[in-house]
Amino acid sequence: MRRFKVCLALLLIALPCLASAGLHKVDINNASESALVNALEGVAQQEARAIVDYRRVHGAFRSMEQLALVKGIDLGVVERNRERIILGDLRDKTEPQAERRRTR
């Protein structure tokens, strides 16, 4: 009986780690359309394309919540994917494309 309790306790401790290990994390500031589709729940090809296009025009995402500004993405999608989303390196990617054109 003692062995059973120890095994049960270890399982309860390890279960959250095992559940999150199956999640694919994705850097929304650098990921391709296909990576976004594969990693994010509720994001199809059309929404992934909109994310990449938004990033190209407006620069890097500074927060997860900023994803809700993308057409087809709402805060519910952001919340469902909070553990999957990574905000990658913002350096050299924060300046929107329109601003880069003016400086050349």
Protein backbone atom coordinates (compact mmCIF):
# COMPACT_ATOMS: atom_id res chain seq x y z
CA MET A 1 0.00 0.00 0.00
CA ARG A 2 2.82 2.40 0.81
CA ARG A 3 4.41 1.77 -2.56
CA PHE A 4 1.09 2.56 -4.26
CA LYS A 5 0.82 5.90 -2.41
CA VAL A 6 4.39 6.83 -3.37
CA CYS A 7 3.72 5.98 -7.02
CA LEU A 8 0.47 7.95 -6.97
CA ALA A 9 2.19 10.98 -5.43
CA LEU A 10 4.95 10.86 -8.05
CA LEU A 11 2.39 10.58 -10.81
CA LEU A 12 0.47 13.59 -9.53
CA ILE A 13 3.68 15.60 -9.40
CA ALA A 14 4.80 14.55 -12.90
CA LEU A 15 1.42 14.81 -14.64
CA PRO A 16 1.46 18.59 -15.27
CA CYS A 17 4.99 18.33 -16.67
CA LEU A 18 3.99 15.51 -18.99
CA ALA A 19 0.92 17.38 -20.19
CA SER A 20 2.87 20.51 -21.08
CA ALA A 21 5.68 18.50 -22.69
CA GLY A 22 3.38 17.67 -25.61
CA LEU A 23 2.76 21.34 -26.39
CA HIS A 24 4.62 22.78 -29.33
CA LYS A 25 5.95 26.22 -28.47
CA VAL A 26 6.15 28.81 -31.20
CA ASP A 27 7.89 32.17 -31.47
CA ILE A 28 5.23 34.42 -32.96
CA ASN A 29 7.86 36.95 -34.02
CA ASN A 30 9.82 34.54 -36.19
CA ALA A 31 7.63 31.52 -37.00
CA SER A 32 6.56 30.61 -40.51
CA GLU A 33 2.91 30.17 -41.47
CA SER A 34 3.18 26.39 -41.27
CA ALA A 35 4.83 26.52 -37.83
CA LEU A 36 2.00 28.74 -36.56
CA VAL A 37 -0.66 26.39 -37.94
CA ASN A 38 1.03 23.35 -36.38
CA ALA A 39 1.59 24.89 -32.96
CA LEU A 40 -1.43 27.08 -32.29
CA GLU A 41 -4.90 25.75 -31.55
CA GLY A 42 -7.61 27.49 -33.57
CA VAL A 43 -5.19 28.99 -36.10
CA ALA A 44 -5.64 27.81 -39.69
CA GLN A 45 -3.58 28.75 -42.75
CA GLN A 46 -5.55 31.96 -43.34
CA GLU A 47 -5.01 33.22 -39.78
CA ALA A 48 -1.34 32.21 -39.85
CA ARG A 49 -0.87 34.20 -43.06
CA ALA A 50 -2.57 37.18 -41.41
CA ILE A 51 -0.17 36.91 -38.43
CA VAL A 52 2.88 36.89 -40.71
CA ASP A 53 1.51 39.78 -42.78
CA TYR A 54 0.69 41.81 -39.66
CA ARG A 55 4.19 41.21 -38.33
CA ARG A 56 5.73 42.29 -41.64
CA VAL A 57 3.78 45.56 -41.70
CA HIS A 58 3.70 46.48 -37.99
CA GLY A 59 6.89 44.90 -36.68
CA ALA A 60 7.38 42.37 -33.91
CA PHE A 61 4.66 41.54 -31.43
CA ARG A 62 5.47 43.08 -28.04
CA SER A 63 2.83 41.08 -26.14
CA MET A 64 0.71 38.00 -26.65
CA GLU A 65 -2.43 40.11 -26.41
CA GLN A 66 -1.31 42.10 -29.45
CA LEU A 67 -2.13 39.00 -31.51
CA ALA A 68 -5.81 39.87 -31.03
CA LEU A 69 -5.26 42.83 -33.38
CA VAL A 70 -4.77 40.36 -36.23
CA LYS A 71 -7.84 39.65 -38.35
CA GLY A 72 -9.28 36.26 -37.41
CA ILE A 73 -7.56 36.07 -34.01
CA ASP A 74 -9.44 36.97 -30.84
CA LEU A 75 -8.46 36.98 -27.17
CA GLY A 76 -9.96 33.50 -26.77
CA VAL A 77 -7.43 32.09 -29.23
CA VAL A 78 -4.65 33.93 -27.42
CA GLU A 79 -5.75 32.56 -24.04
CA ARG A 80 -6.05 28.97 -25.34
CA ASN A 81 -2.51 29.19 -26.68
CA ARG A 82 -0.84 31.19 -23.90
CA GLU A 83 1.46 28.29 -22.90
CA ARG A 84 2.44 27.69 -26.52
CA ILE A 85 3.38 31.27 -27.45
CA ILE A 86 6.89 32.66 -27.12
CA LEU A 87 7.82 36.26 -27.82
CA GLY A 88 11.17 35.97 -29.53
CA ASP A 89 13.95 38.47 -29.93
CA LEU A 90 12.49 41.92 -30.59
CA ARG A 91 15.78 43.51 -31.68
CA ASP A 92 16.01 44.52 -35.34
CA LYS A 93 12.42 43.40 -35.87
CA THR A 94 10.48 46.13 -34.09
CA GLU A 95 10.63 48.67 -36.89
CA PRO A 96 7.67 48.25 -39.22
CA GLN A 97 8.31 47.81 -42.93
CA ALA A 98 6.81 51.20 -43.80
CA GLU A 99 9.31 52.93 -41.47
CA ARG A 100 12.25 51.05 -42.97
CA ARG A 101 11.38 52.27 -46.46
CA ARG A 102 11.40 55.92 -45.41
CA THR A 103 14.88 55.72 -43.91
CA ARG A 104 16.52 54.35 -47.06
